[in-house]
Amino acid sequence: LGSGMRGLGIGAITLDWTAIASFLGSPLVSPFFAIMNVFAG
């Protein structure tokens, strides 16, 4: 439940920008409605 790398990531946080921006790209560039669509799915 808690593992951010090999589980569901419940409560997992990061202080590393690479973990924030890797794979999905920078979240600062994505509009909020797109972020909410991704969050819903």
PDB file of all heavy atoms in Angstrom:
ATOM      1  N   LEU A   1       0.814  -1.207   0.000  1.00  0.00           N
ATOM      2  CA  LEU A   1       0.000   0.000   0.000  1.00  0.00           C
ATOM      3  C   LEU A   1       0.852   1.263   0.000  1.00  0.00           C
ATOM      4  O   LEU A   1       0.536   2.242  -0.673  1.00  0.00           O
ATOM      5  CB  LEU A   1      -0.932   0.018   1.215  1.00  0.00           C
ATOM      6  CG  LEU A   1      -2.042  -1.030   1.261  1.00  0.00           C
ATOM      7  CD1 LEU A   1      -2.731  -1.024   2.625  1.00  0.00           C
ATOM      8  CD2 LEU A   1      -3.073  -0.754   0.167  1.00  0.00           C
ATOM      9  N   GLY A   2       1.948   1.255   0.745  1.00  0.00           N
ATOM     10  CA  GLY A   2       2.706   2.483   0.984  1.00  0.00           C
ATOM     11  C   GLY A   2       3.880   2.734   0.078  1.00  0.00           C
ATOM     12  O   GLY A   2       4.341   3.874  -0.034  1.00  0.00           O
ATOM     13  N   SER A   3       4.414   1.713  -0.573  1.00  0.00           N
ATOM     14  CA  SER A   3       5.601   1.907  -1.406  1.00  0.00           C
ATOM     15  C   SER A   3       5.282   2.794  -2.607  1.00  0.00           C
ATOM     16  O   SER A   3       4.343   2.530  -3.362  1.00  0.00           O
ATOM     17  CB  SER A   3       6.133   0.562  -1.895  1.00  0.00           C
ATOM     18  OG  SER A   3       7.178   0.756  -2.844  1.00  0.00           O
ATOM     19  N   GLY A   4       6.076   3.830  -2.779  1.00  0.00           N
ATOM     20  CA  GLY A   4       5.877   4.701  -3.923  1.00  0.00           C
ATOM     21  C   GLY A   4       6.445   4.150  -5.207  1.00  0.00           C
ATOM     22  O   GLY A   4       6.047   4.559  -6.302  1.00  0.00           O
ATOM     23  N   MET A   5       7.403   3.196  -5.096  1.00  0.00           N
ATOM     24  CA  MET A   5       8.081   2.661  -6.269  1.00  0.00           C
ATOM     25  C   MET A   5       7.542   1.302  -6.692  1.00  0.00           C
ATOM     26  O   MET A   5       7.546   0.961  -7.876  1.00  0.00           O
ATOM     27  CB  MET A   5       9.585   2.521  -5.980  1.00  0.00           C
ATOM     28  CG  MET A   5      10.241   3.793  -5.465  1.00  0.00           C
ATOM     29  SD  MET A   5      10.336   5.087  -6.693  1.00  0.00           S
ATOM     30  CE  MET A   5      11.647   4.468  -7.721  1.00  0.00           C
ATOM     31  N   ARG A   6       7.058   0.497  -5.726  1.00  0.00           N
ATOM     32  CA  ARG A   6       6.612  -0.866  -6.041  1.00  0.00           C
ATOM     33  C   ARG A   6       5.246  -1.188  -5.453  1.00  0.00           C
ATOM     34  O   ARG A   6       4.871  -2.344  -5.343  1.00  0.00           O
ATOM     35  CB  ARG A   6       7.650  -1.875  -5.549  1.00  0.00           C
ATOM     36  CG  ARG A   6       8.924  -1.847  -6.364  1.00  0.00           C
ATOM     37  CD  ARG A   6       9.979  -2.788  -5.812  1.00  0.00           C
ATOM     38  NE  ARG A   6      10.605  -2.269  -4.601  1.00  0.00           N
ATOM     39  CZ  ARG A   6      11.668  -2.811  -4.026  1.00  0.00           C
ATOM     40  NH1 ARG A   6      12.206  -3.905  -4.535  1.00  0.00           N
ATOM     41  NH2 ARG A   6      12.204  -2.279  -2.943  1.00  0.00           N
ATOM     42  N   GLY A   7       4.514  -0.161  -5.054  1.00  0.00           N
ATOM     43  CA  GLY A   7       3.193  -0.370  -4.482  1.00  0.00           C
ATOM     44  C   GLY A   7       2.220   0.688  -4.967  1.00  0.00           C
ATOM     45  O   GLY A   7       2.390   1.261  -6.043  1.00  0.00           O
ATOM     46  N   LEU A   8       1.220   0.978  -4.141  1.00  0.00           N
ATOM     47  CA  LEU A   8       0.194   1.942  -4.511  1.00  0.00           C
ATOM     48  C   LEU A   8       0.553   3.369  -4.137  1.00  0.00           C
ATOM     49  O   LEU A   8      -0.175   4.302  -4.489  1.00  0.00           O
ATOM     50  CB  LEU A   8      -1.148   1.564  -3.867  1.00  0.00           C
ATOM     51  CG  LEU A   8      -1.681   0.167  -4.192  1.00  0.00           C
ATOM     52  CD1 LEU A   8      -3.077  -0.012  -3.620  1.00  0.00           C
ATOM     53  CD2 LEU A   8      -1.683  -0.096  -5.686  1.00  0.00           C
ATOM     54  N   GLY A   9       1.638   3.552  -3.389  1.00  0.00           N
ATOM     55  CA  GLY A   9       2.136   4.897  -3.113  1.00  0.00           C
ATOM     56  C   GLY A   9       1.279   5.718  -2.178  1.00  0.00           C
ATOM     57  O   GLY A   9       1.350   6.956  -2.201  1.00  0.00           O
ATOM     58  N   ILE A  10       0.483   5.080  -1.313  1.00  0.00           N
ATOM     59  CA  ILE A  10      -0.355   5.834  -0.383  1.00  0.00           C
ATOM     60  C   ILE A  10       0.538   6.526   0.646  1.00  0.00           C
ATOM     61  O   ILE A  10       1.289   5.888   1.376  1.00  0.00           O
ATOM     62  CB  ILE A  10      -1.367   4.908   0.316  1.00  0.00           C
ATOM     63  CG1 ILE A  10      -2.337   4.327  -0.721  1.00  0.00           C
ATOM     64  CG2 ILE A  10      -2.131   5.655   1.403  1.00  0.00           C
ATOM     65  CD1 ILE A  10      -3.314   3.325  -0.155  1.00  0.00           C
ATOM     66  N   GLY A  11       0.473   7.829   0.704  1.00  0.00           N
ATOM     67  CA  GLY A  11       1.275   8.604   1.649  1.00  0.00           C
ATOM     68  C   GLY A  11       2.702   8.844   1.220  1.00  0.00           C
ATOM     69  O   GLY A  11       3.439   9.559   1.903  1.00  0.00           O
ATOM     70  N   ALA A  12       3.135   8.286   0.112  1.00  0.00           N
ATOM     71  CA  ALA A  12       4.519   8.455  -0.336  1.00  0.00           C
ATOM     72  C   ALA A  12       4.724   9.863  -0.887  1.00  0.00           C
ATOM     73  O   ALA A  12       3.899  10.372  -1.648  1.00  0.00           O
ATOM     74  CB  ALA A  12       4.864   7.420  -1.398  1.00  0.00           C
ATOM     75  N   ILE A  13       5.825  10.491  -0.509  1.00  0.00           N
ATOM     76  CA  ILE A  13       6.154  11.831  -0.988  1.00  0.00           C
ATOM     77  C   ILE A  13       7.590  11.840  -1.496  1.00  0.00           C
ATOM     78  O   ILE A  13       8.356  10.894  -1.270  1.00  0.00           O
ATOM     79  CB  ILE A  13       5.987  12.895   0.122  1.00  0.00           C
ATOM     80  CG1 ILE A  13       6.889  12.565   1.321  1.00  0.00           C
ATOM     81  CG2 ILE A  13       4.534  13.003   0.552  1.00  0.00           C
ATOM     82  CD1 ILE A  13       6.881  13.639   2.394  1.00  0.00           C
ATOM     83  N   THR A  14       7.958  12.901  -2.173  1.00  0.00           N
ATOM     84  CA  THR A  14       9.310  13.006  -2.707  1.00  0.00           C
ATOM     85  C   THR A  14       9.818  14.431  -2.558  1.00  0.00           C
ATOM     86  O   THR A  14       9.041  15.391  -2.581  1.00  0.00           O
ATOM     87  CB  THR A  14       9.352  12.609  -4.190  1.00  0.00           C
ATOM     88  OG1 THR A  14      10.700  12.686  -4.670  1.00  0.00           O
ATOM     89  CG2 THR A  14       8.475  13.518  -5.045  1.00  0.00           C
ATOM     90  N   LEU A  15      11.136  14.550  -2.387  1.00  0.00           N
ATOM     91  CA  LEU A  15      11.805  15.847  -2.368  1.00  0.00           C
ATOM     92  C   LEU A  15      12.803  15.937  -3.519  1.00  0.00           C
ATOM     93  O   LEU A  15      13.796  16.653  -3.439  1.00  0.00           O
ATOM     94  CB  LEU A  15      12.516  16.059  -1.019  1.00  0.00           C
ATOM     95  CG  LEU A  15      11.607  16.065   0.217  1.00  0.00           C
ATOM     96  CD1 LEU A  15      12.428  16.208   1.487  1.00  0.00           C
ATOM     97  CD2 LEU A  15      10.579  17.183   0.121  1.00  0.00           C
ATOM     98  N   ASP A  16      12.523  15.203  -4.572  1.00  0.00           N
ATOM     99  CA  ASP A  16      13.420  15.098  -5.720  1.00  0.00           C
ATOM    100  C   ASP A  16      12.663  15.540  -6.974  1.00  0.00           C
ATOM    101  O   ASP A  16      11.651  14.942  -7.338  1.00  0.00           O
ATOM    102  CB  ASP A  16      13.895  13.643  -5.846  1.00  0.00           C
ATOM    103  CG  ASP A  16      14.882  13.436  -6.987  1.00  0.00           C
ATOM    104  OD1 ASP A  16      15.127  14.382  -7.754  1.00  0.00           O
ATOM    105  OD2 ASP A  16      15.402  12.314  -7.101  1.00  0.00           O
ATOM    106  N   TRP A  17      13.155  16.591  -7.629  1.00  0.00           N
ATOM    107  CA  TRP A  17      12.468  17.101  -8.826  1.00  0.00           C
ATOM    108  C   TRP A  17      12.411  16.057  -9.933  1.00  0.00           C
ATOM    109  O   TRP A  17      11.460  16.027 -10.705  1.00  0.00           O
ATOM    110  CB  TRP A  17      13.159  18.369  -9.316  1.00  0.00           C
ATOM    111  CG  TRP A  17      12.601  18.894 -10.603  1.00  0.00           C
ATOM    112  CD1 TRP A  17      13.197  18.893 -11.823  1.00  0.00           C
ATOM    113  CD2 TRP A  17      11.306  19.481 -10.801  1.00  0.00           C
ATOM    114  NE1 TRP A  17      12.369  19.442 -12.772  1.00  0.00           N
ATOM    115  CE2 TRP A  17      11.198  19.812 -12.176  1.00  0.00           C
ATOM    116  CE3 TRP A  17      10.231  19.758  -9.967  1.00  0.00           C
ATOM    117  CZ2 TRP A  17      10.068  20.412 -12.722  1.00  0.00           C
ATOM    118  CZ3 TRP A  17       9.097  20.348 -10.513  1.00  0.00           C
ATOM    119  CH2 TRP A  17       9.023  20.670 -11.864  1.00  0.00           C
ATOM    120  N   THR A  18      13.415  15.177 -10.027  1.00  0.00           N
ATOM    121  CA  THR A  18      13.378  14.172 -11.087  1.00  0.00           C
ATOM    122  C   THR A  18      12.185  13.240 -10.913  1.00  0.00           C
ATOM    123  O   THR A  18      11.602  12.775 -11.895  1.00  0.00           O
ATOM    124  CB  THR A  18      14.672  13.345 -11.131  1.00  0.00           C
ATOM    125  OG1 THR A  18      14.838  12.630  -9.895  1.00  0.00           O
ATOM    126  CG2 THR A  18      15.875  14.223 -11.377  1.00  0.00           C
ATOM    127  N   ALA A  19      11.815  12.939  -9.655  1.00  0.00           N
ATOM    128  CA  ALA A  19      10.645  12.082  -9.426  1.00  0.00           C
ATOM    129  C   ALA A  19       9.352  12.798  -9.794  1.00  0.00           C
ATOM    130  O   ALA A  19       8.369  12.166 -10.176  1.00  0.00           O
ATOM    131  CB  ALA A  19      10.598  11.639  -7.961  1.00  0.00           C
ATOM    132  N   ILE A  20       9.359  14.124  -9.702  1.00  0.00           N
ATOM    133  CA  ILE A  20       8.162  14.900 -10.032  1.00  0.00           C
ATOM    134  C   ILE A  20       8.002  15.032 -11.545  1.00  0.00           C
ATOM    135  O   ILE A  20       6.913  14.857 -12.090  1.00  0.00           O
ATOM    136  CB  ILE A  20       8.238  16.299  -9.381  1.00  0.00           C
ATOM    137  CG1 ILE A  20       8.273  16.177  -7.859  1.00  0.00           C
ATOM    138  CG2 ILE A  20       7.070  17.173  -9.825  1.00  0.00           C
ATOM    139  CD1 ILE A  20       8.577  17.488  -7.141  1.00  0.00           C
ATOM    140  N   ALA A  21       9.109  15.313 -12.226  1.00  0.00           N
ATOM    141  CA  ALA A  21       9.034  15.670 -13.647  1.00  0.00           C
ATOM    142  C   ALA A  21       9.338  14.518 -14.588  1.00  0.00           C
ATOM    143  O   ALA A  21       9.131  14.652 -15.793  1.00  0.00           O
ATOM    144  CB  ALA A  21       9.993  16.830 -13.936  1.00  0.00           C
ATOM    145  N   SER A  22       9.856  13.396 -14.074  1.00  0.00           N
ATOM    146  CA  SER A  22      10.177  12.289 -14.968  1.00  0.00           C
ATOM    147  C   SER A  22       8.898  11.649 -15.498  1.00  0.00           C
ATOM    148  O   SER A  22       7.838  11.720 -14.881  1.00  0.00           O
ATOM    149  CB  SER A  22      11.020  11.240 -14.228  1.00  0.00           C
ATOM    150  OG  SER A  22      10.348  10.763 -13.088  1.00  0.00           O
ATOM    151  N   PHE A  23       9.014  11.031 -16.668  1.00  0.00           N
ATOM    152  CA  PHE A  23       7.930  10.294 -17.334  1.00  0.00           C
ATOM    153  C   PHE A  23       6.814  11.209 -17.848  1.00  0.00           C
ATOM    154  O   PHE A  23       6.523  11.224 -19.036  1.00  0.00           O
ATOM    155  CB  PHE A  23       7.342   9.219 -16.419  1.00  0.00           C
ATOM    156  CG  PHE A  23       8.350   8.221 -15.940  1.00  0.00           C
ATOM    157  CD1 PHE A  23       8.739   8.174 -14.613  1.00  0.00           C
ATOM    158  CD2 PHE A  23       8.947   7.333 -16.827  1.00  0.00           C
ATOM    159  CE1 PHE A  23       9.682   7.261 -14.177  1.00  0.00           C
ATOM    160  CE2 PHE A  23       9.889   6.421 -16.398  1.00  0.00           C
ATOM    161  CZ  PHE A  23      10.249   6.379 -15.065  1.00  0.00           C
ATOM    162  N   LEU A  24       6.171  11.977 -16.966  1.00  0.00           N
ATOM    163  CA  LEU A  24       5.039  12.796 -17.379  1.00  0.00           C
ATOM    164  C   LEU A  24       5.449  14.203 -17.799  1.00  0.00           C
ATOM    165  O   LEU A  24       4.614  14.978 -18.249  1.00  0.00           O
ATOM    166  CB  LEU A  24       4.022  12.897 -16.240  1.00  0.00           C
ATOM    167  CG  LEU A  24       3.310  11.593 -15.870  1.00  0.00           C
ATOM    168  CD1 LEU A  24       2.583  11.743 -14.546  1.00  0.00           C
ATOM    169  CD2 LEU A  24       2.346  11.177 -16.956  1.00  0.00           C
ATOM    170  N   GLY A  25       6.725  14.546 -17.636  1.00  0.00           N
ATOM    171  CA  GLY A  25       7.157  15.893 -17.946  1.00  0.00           C
ATOM    172  C   GLY A  25       6.856  16.843 -16.805  1.00  0.00           C
ATOM    173  O   GLY A  25       6.273  16.477 -15.778  1.00  0.00           O
ATOM    174  N   SER A  26       7.251  18.081 -16.963  1.00  0.00           N
ATOM    175  CA  SER A  26       7.054  19.063 -15.900  1.00  0.00           C
ATOM    176  C   SER A  26       5.572  19.330 -15.672  1.00  0.00           C
ATOM    177  O   SER A  26       4.841  19.657 -16.617  1.00  0.00           O
ATOM    178  CB  SER A  26       7.757  20.374 -16.252  1.00  0.00           C
ATOM    179  OG  SER A  26       7.415  21.379 -15.312  1.00  0.00           O
ATOM    180  N   PRO A  27       5.094  19.229 -14.428  1.00  0.00           N
ATOM    181  CA  PRO A  27       3.684  19.524 -14.150  1.00  0.00           C
ATOM    182  C   PRO A  27       3.360  21.005 -14.300  1.00  0.00           C
ATOM    183  O   PRO A  27       2.195  21.375 -14.404  1.00  0.00           O
ATOM    184  CB  PRO A  27       3.503  19.055 -12.707  1.00  0.00           C
ATOM    185  CG  PRO A  27       4.873  19.150 -12.107  1.00  0.00           C
ATOM    186  CD  PRO A  27       5.821  18.813 -13.214  1.00  0.00           C
ATOM    187  N   LEU A  28       4.377  21.862 -14.314  1.00  0.00           N
ATOM    188  CA  LEU A  28       4.135  23.288 -14.453  1.00  0.00           C
ATOM    189  C   LEU A  28       3.673  23.651 -15.858  1.00  0.00           C
ATOM    190  O   LEU A  28       3.112  24.721 -16.078  1.00  0.00           O
ATOM    191  CB  LEU A  28       5.409  24.082 -14.124  1.00  0.00           C
ATOM    192  CG  LEU A  28       5.676  24.369 -12.643  1.00  0.00           C
ATOM    193  CD1 LEU A  28       5.974  23.094 -11.879  1.00  0.00           C
ATOM    194  CD2 LEU A  28       6.816  25.355 -12.485  1.00  0.00           C
ATOM    195  N   VAL A  29       3.920  22.754 -16.811  1.00  0.00           N
ATOM    196  CA  VAL A  29       3.582  23.037 -18.200  1.00  0.00           C
ATOM    197  C   VAL A  29       2.187  22.535 -18.555  1.00  0.00           C
ATOM    198  O   VAL A  29       1.575  22.998 -19.515  1.00  0.00           O
ATOM    199  CB  VAL A  29       4.647  22.412 -19.134  1.00  0.00           C
ATOM    200  CG1 VAL A  29       4.311  22.637 -20.596  1.00  0.00           C
ATOM    201  CG2 VAL A  29       6.026  22.986 -18.813  1.00  0.00           C
ATOM    202  N   SER A  30       1.656  21.592 -17.784  1.00  0.00           N
ATOM    203  CA  SER A  30       0.352  20.998 -18.094  1.00  0.00           C
ATOM    204  C   SER A  30      -0.778  21.823 -17.498  1.00  0.00           C
ATOM    205  O   SER A  30      -0.728  22.194 -16.328  1.00  0.00           O
ATOM    206  CB  SER A  30       0.272  19.567 -17.536  1.00  0.00           C
ATOM    207  OG  SER A  30       1.248  18.750 -18.131  1.00  0.00           O
ATOM    208  N   PRO A  31      -1.819  22.129 -18.272  1.00  0.00           N
ATOM    209  CA  PRO A  31      -2.951  22.893 -17.727  1.00  0.00           C
ATOM    210  C   PRO A  31      -3.700  22.095 -16.668  1.00  0.00           C
ATOM    211  O   PRO A  31      -3.678  20.862 -16.659  1.00  0.00           O
ATOM    212  CB  PRO A  31      -3.822  23.154 -18.958  1.00  0.00           C
ATOM    213  CG  PRO A  31      -3.435  22.100 -19.940  1.00  0.00           C
ATOM    214  CD  PRO A  31      -1.996  21.792 -19.688  1.00  0.00           C
ATOM    215  N   PHE A  32      -4.382  22.809 -15.781  1.00  0.00           N
ATOM    216  CA  PHE A  32      -4.998  22.168 -14.632  1.00  0.00           C
ATOM    217  C   PHE A  32      -6.073  21.169 -15.030  1.00  0.00           C
ATOM    218  O   PHE A  32      -6.209  20.109 -14.407  1.00  0.00           O
ATOM    219  CB  PHE A  32      -5.579  23.231 -13.698  1.00  0.00           C
ATOM    220  CG  PHE A  32      -6.241  22.669 -12.478  1.00  0.00           C
ATOM    221  CD1 PHE A  32      -5.515  21.914 -11.561  1.00  0.00           C
ATOM    222  CD2 PHE A  32      -7.589  22.870 -12.241  1.00  0.00           C
ATOM    223  CE1 PHE A  32      -6.129  21.382 -10.433  1.00  0.00           C
ATOM    224  CE2 PHE A  32      -8.204  22.338 -11.120  1.00  0.00           C
ATOM    225  CZ  PHE A  32      -7.470  21.594 -10.212  1.00  0.00           C
ATOM    226  N   PHE A  33      -6.880  21.482 -16.077  1.00  0.00           N
ATOM    227  CA  PHE A  33      -7.933  20.540 -16.449  1.00  0.00           C
ATOM    228  C   PHE A  33      -7.335  19.224 -16.938  1.00  0.00           C
ATOM    229  O   PHE A  33      -7.899  18.149 -16.723  1.00  0.00           O
ATOM    230  CB  PHE A  33      -8.852  21.153 -17.512  1.00  0.00           C
ATOM    231  CG  PHE A  33      -8.278  21.208 -18.892  1.00  0.00           C
ATOM    232  CD1 PHE A  33      -8.398  20.141 -19.766  1.00  0.00           C
ATOM    233  CD2 PHE A  33      -7.617  22.341 -19.327  1.00  0.00           C
ATOM    234  CE1 PHE A  33      -7.879  20.197 -21.039  1.00  0.00           C
ATOM    235  CE2 PHE A  33      -7.099  22.411 -20.606  1.00  0.00           C
ATOM    236  CZ  PHE A  33      -7.222  21.340 -21.467  1.00  0.00           C
ATOM    237  N   ALA A  34      -6.159  19.283 -17.574  1.00  0.00           N
ATOM    238  CA  ALA A  34      -5.491  18.059 -18.004  1.00  0.00           C
ATOM    239  C   ALA A  34      -4.999  17.274 -16.796  1.00  0.00           C
ATOM    240  O   ALA A  34      -5.090  16.039 -16.755  1.00  0.00           O
ATOM    241  CB  ALA A  34      -4.332  18.391 -18.936  1.00  0.00           C
ATOM    242  N   ILE A  35      -4.489  17.981 -15.805  1.00  0.00           N
ATOM    243  CA  ILE A  35      -4.024  17.322 -14.579  1.00  0.00           C
ATOM    244  C   ILE A  35      -5.187  16.619 -13.888  1.00  0.00           C
ATOM    245  O   ILE A  35      -5.055  15.479 -13.412  1.00  0.00           O
ATOM    246  CB  ILE A  35      -3.371  18.356 -13.638  1.00  0.00           C
ATOM    247  CG1 ILE A  35      -2.075  18.885 -14.264  1.00  0.00           C
ATOM    248  CG2 ILE A  35      -3.085  17.744 -12.263  1.00  0.00           C
ATOM    249  CD1 ILE A  35      -1.465  20.047 -13.509  1.00  0.00           C
ATOM    250  N   MET A  36      -6.351  17.261 -13.848  1.00  0.00           N
ATOM    251  CA  MET A  36      -7.509  16.652 -13.203  1.00  0.00           C
ATOM    252  C   MET A  36      -8.020  15.440 -13.979  1.00  0.00           C
ATOM    253  O   MET A  36      -8.471  14.457 -13.390  1.00  0.00           O
ATOM    254  CB  MET A  36      -8.623  17.693 -13.044  1.00  0.00           C
ATOM    255  CG  MET A  36      -8.352  18.711 -11.959  1.00  0.00           C
ATOM    256  SD  MET A  36      -8.234  17.974 -10.282  1.00  0.00           S
ATOM    257  CE  MET A  36      -6.453  17.783 -10.094  1.00  0.00           C
ATOM    258  N   ASN A  37      -7.953  15.496 -15.313  1.00  0.00           N
ATOM    259  CA  ASN A  37      -8.334  14.332 -16.109  1.00  0.00           C
ATOM    260  C   ASN A  37      -7.416  13.153 -15.818  1.00  0.00           C
ATOM    261  O   ASN A  37      -7.856  12.013 -15.665  1.00  0.00           O
ATOM    262  CB  ASN A  37      -8.282  14.680 -17.603  1.00  0.00           C
ATOM    263  CG  ASN A  37      -9.594  15.247 -18.112  1.00  0.00           C
ATOM    264  OD1 ASN A  37     -10.651  14.746 -17.795  1.00  0.00           O
ATOM    265  ND2 ASN A  37      -9.523  16.300 -18.895  1.00  0.00           N
ATOM    266  N   VAL A  38      -6.119  13.433 -15.747  1.00  0.00           N
ATOM    267  CA  VAL A  38      -5.161  12.371 -15.433  1.00  0.00           C
ATOM    268  C   VAL A  38      -5.416  11.838 -14.026  1.00  0.00           C
ATOM    269  O   VAL A  38      -5.385  10.621 -13.790  1.00  0.00           O
ATOM    270  CB  VAL A  38      -3.715  12.900 -15.559  1.00  0.00           C
ATOM    271  CG1 VAL A  38      -2.714  11.882 -15.005  1.00  0.00           C
ATOM    272  CG2 VAL A  38      -3.384  13.202 -17.016  1.00  0.00           C
ATOM    273  N   PHE A  39      -5.670  12.743 -13.081  1.00  0.00           N
ATOM    274  CA  PHE A  39      -5.919  12.317 -11.701  1.00  0.00           C
ATOM    275  C   PHE A  39      -7.149  11.417 -11.617  1.00  0.00           C
ATOM    276  O   PHE A  39      -7.139  10.395 -10.921  1.00  0.00           O
ATOM    277  CB  PHE A  39      -6.111  13.545 -10.805  1.00  0.00           C
ATOM    278  CG  PHE A  39      -6.571  13.198  -9.413  1.00  0.00           C
ATOM    279  CD1 PHE A  39      -5.744  12.497  -8.547  1.00  0.00           C
ATOM    280  CD2 PHE A  39      -7.833  13.562  -8.978  1.00  0.00           C
ATOM    281  CE1 PHE A  39      -6.177  12.166  -7.267  1.00  0.00           C
ATOM    282  CE2 PHE A  39      -8.268  13.234  -7.709  1.00  0.00           C
ATOM    283  CZ  PHE A  39      -7.433  12.537  -6.844  1.00  0.00           C
ATOM    284  N   ALA A  40      -8.209  11.763 -12.342  1.00  0.00           N
ATOM    285  CA  ALA A  40      -9.437  10.959 -12.302  1.00  0.00           C
ATOM    286  C   ALA A  40      -9.171   9.545 -12.810  1.00  0.00           C
ATOM    287  O   ALA A  40      -9.567   8.556 -12.182  1.00  0.00           O
ATOM    288  CB  ALA A  40     -10.530  11.633 -13.125  1.00  0.00           C
ATOM    289  N   GLY A  41      -8.500   9.444 -13.953  1.00  0.00           N
ATOM    290  CA  GLY A  41      -8.200   8.119 -14.492  1.00  0.00           C
ATOM    291  C   GLY A  41      -7.222   7.350 -13.639  1.00  0.00           C
ATOM    292  O   GLY A  41      -7.372   6.137 -13.424  1.00  0.00           O
TER     293      GLY A  41
END
